[in-house]
């Protein structure tokens, strides 16, 4: 089983999302999990907008904030490891 050394800042970001990988955890699998969490949150925003909890004018600010929390998704997998 290959051993992966994740960069400390990547581990910090993963921990923010409740993920604590082992050295044997595949980076691609972790990215899929983070992406799944992002998709759940973006769908929740959409549903809140449809329910009238957020206006269409408020939605972009919430989406931008969400993207900032999931910045890890914009980093190529090759840059997640040392």
C-alpha atoms as a PDB file:
ATOM      1  CA  UNK A   1       0.000   0.000   0.000  1.00  0.00           C
ATOM      2  CA  UNK A   2       1.553   3.331  -1.016  1.00  0.00           C
ATOM      3  CA  UNK A   3       2.274   5.897   1.683  1.00  0.00           C
ATOM      4  CA  UNK A   4       1.182   9.463   0.985  1.00  0.00           C
ATOM      5  CA  UNK A   5       2.618  12.482   2.788  1.00  0.00           C
ATOM      6  CA  UNK A   6       0.092  15.284   2.695  1.00  0.00           C
ATOM      7  CA  UNK A   7       1.195  18.887   3.039  1.00  0.00           C
ATOM      8  CA  UNK A   8       0.343  20.331   6.476  1.00  0.00           C
ATOM      9  CA  UNK A   9      -1.899  23.040   5.007  1.00  0.00           C
ATOM     10  CA  UNK A  10      -3.841  20.386   3.081  1.00  0.00           C
ATOM     11  CA  UNK A  11      -4.274  18.348   6.262  1.00  0.00           C
ATOM     12  CA  UNK A  12      -5.543  21.480   8.022  1.00  0.00           C
ATOM     13  CA  UNK A  13      -8.110  22.114   5.293  1.00  0.00           C
ATOM     14  CA  UNK A  14      -9.205  18.484   5.271  1.00  0.00           C
ATOM     15  CA  UNK A  15      -9.634  18.618   9.058  1.00  0.00           C
ATOM     16  CA  UNK A  16     -11.912  21.660   8.673  1.00  0.00           C
ATOM     17  CA  UNK A  17     -14.211  19.361   6.709  1.00  0.00           C
ATOM     18  CA  UNK A  18     -13.959  16.548   9.250  1.00  0.00           C
ATOM     19  CA  UNK A  19     -11.514  14.449   7.240  1.00  0.00           C
ATOM     20  CA  UNK A  20      -8.402  13.008   8.851  1.00  0.00           C
ATOM     21  CA  UNK A  21      -6.603  10.881   6.264  1.00  0.00           C
ATOM     22  CA  UNK A  22      -4.178   8.108   7.015  1.00  0.00           C
ATOM     23  CA  UNK A  23      -0.903   7.939   5.073  1.00  0.00           C
ATOM     24  CA  UNK A  24      -2.520   5.147   3.060  1.00  0.00           C
ATOM     25  CA  UNK A  25      -5.568   7.249   2.099  1.00  0.00           C
ATOM     26  CA  UNK A  26      -5.740   8.013  -1.607  1.00  0.00           C
ATOM     27  CA  UNK A  27      -5.745  11.750  -2.403  1.00  0.00           C
ATOM     28  CA  UNK A  28      -8.258  11.279  -5.229  1.00  0.00           C
ATOM     29  CA  UNK A  29     -10.694   9.657  -2.805  1.00  0.00           C
ATOM     30  CA  UNK A  30     -10.277  12.547  -0.380  1.00  0.00           C
ATOM     31  CA  UNK A  31     -10.940  15.043  -3.155  1.00  0.00           C
ATOM     32  CA  UNK A  32     -14.127  13.177  -4.061  1.00  0.00           C
ATOM     33  CA  UNK A  33     -15.255  13.361  -0.439  1.00  0.00           C
ATOM     34  CA  UNK A  34     -14.561  17.096  -0.223  1.00  0.00           C
ATOM     35  CA  UNK A  35     -16.371  17.600  -3.528  1.00  0.00           C
ATOM     36  CA  UNK A  36     -19.359  15.634  -2.218  1.00  0.00           C
ATOM     37  CA  UNK A  37     -19.499  17.894   0.854  1.00  0.00           C
ATOM     38  CA  UNK A  38     -19.326  20.981  -1.376  1.00  0.00           C
ATOM     39  CA  UNK A  39     -22.125  19.699  -3.582  1.00  0.00           C
ATOM     40  CA  UNK A  40     -24.335  19.062  -0.551  1.00  0.00           C
ATOM     41  CA  UNK A  41     -23.770  22.625   0.658  1.00  0.00           C
ATOM     42  CA  UNK A  42     -24.322  24.214  -2.768  1.00  0.00           C
ATOM     43  CA  UNK A  43     -27.565  22.259  -3.157  1.00  0.00           C
ATOM     44  CA  UNK A  44     -28.637  23.413   0.297  1.00  0.00           C
ATOM     45  CA  UNK A  45     -28.068  27.013  -0.787  1.00  0.00           C
ATOM     46  CA  UNK A  46     -30.123  26.401  -3.921  1.00  0.00           C
ATOM     47  CA  UNK A  47     -32.922  24.887  -1.869  1.00  0.00           C
ATOM     48  CA  UNK A  48     -32.868  27.793   0.595  1.00  0.00           C
ATOM     49  CA  UNK A  49     -33.135  30.191  -2.332  1.00  0.00           C
ATOM     50  CA  UNK A  50     -36.054  28.263  -3.791  1.00  0.00           C
ATOM     51  CA  UNK A  51     -37.766  28.250  -0.396  1.00  0.00           C
ATOM     52  CA  UNK A  52     -37.452  32.005  -0.168  1.00  0.00           C
ATOM     53  CA  UNK A  53     -34.950  32.019   2.711  1.00  0.00           C
ATOM     54  CA  UNK A  54     -32.410  33.771   0.462  1.00  0.00           C
ATOM     55  CA  UNK A  55     -33.075  36.244  -2.290  1.00  0.00           C
ATOM     56  CA  UNK A  56     -31.452  35.908  -5.692  1.00  0.00           C
ATOM     57  CA  UNK A  57     -29.433  39.015  -4.812  1.00  0.00           C
ATOM     58  CA  UNK A  58     -28.048  37.334  -1.665  1.00  0.00           C
ATOM     59  CA  UNK A  59     -27.185  34.044  -3.339  1.00  0.00           C
ATOM     60  CA  UNK A  60     -23.933  35.094  -5.091  1.00  0.00           C
ATOM     61  CA  UNK A  61     -22.367  36.284  -1.827  1.00  0.00           C
ATOM     62  CA  UNK A  62     -23.198  32.957  -0.174  1.00  0.00           C
ATOM     63  CA  UNK A  63     -21.773  31.013  -3.117  1.00  0.00           C
ATOM     64  CA  UNK A  64     -18.539  33.024  -3.002  1.00  0.00           C
ATOM     65  CA  UNK A  65     -18.220  32.373   0.735  1.00  0.00           C
ATOM     66  CA  UNK A  66     -18.830  28.683   0.149  1.00  0.00           C
ATOM     67  CA  UNK A  67     -16.156  28.552  -2.555  1.00  0.00           C
ATOM     68  CA  UNK A  68     -13.687  30.149  -0.153  1.00  0.00           C
ATOM     69  CA  UNK A  69     -14.398  27.410   2.393  1.00  0.00           C
ATOM     70  CA  UNK A  70     -13.740  24.786  -0.279  1.00  0.00           C
ATOM     71  CA  UNK A  71     -10.622  26.367  -1.774  1.00  0.00           C
ATOM     72  CA  UNK A  72      -8.919  22.974  -1.590  1.00  0.00           C
ATOM     73  CA  UNK A  73     -10.970  21.868  -4.600  1.00  0.00           C
ATOM     74  CA  UNK A  74      -9.180  24.435  -6.759  1.00  0.00           C
ATOM     75  CA  UNK A  75      -5.741  23.001  -5.922  1.00  0.00           C
ATOM     76  CA  UNK A  76      -4.485  20.225  -8.220  1.00  0.00           C
ATOM     77  CA  UNK A  77      -4.068  16.863  -6.480  1.00  0.00           C
ATOM     78  CA  UNK A  78      -0.361  16.849  -7.299  1.00  0.00           C
ATOM     79  CA  UNK A  79      -0.006  19.861  -4.980  1.00  0.00           C
ATOM     80  CA  UNK A  80      -1.726  18.141  -2.052  1.00  0.00           C
ATOM     81  CA  UNK A  81       1.289  15.985  -1.270  1.00  0.00           C
ATOM     82  CA  UNK A  82       4.961  16.461  -0.541  1.00  0.00           C
END
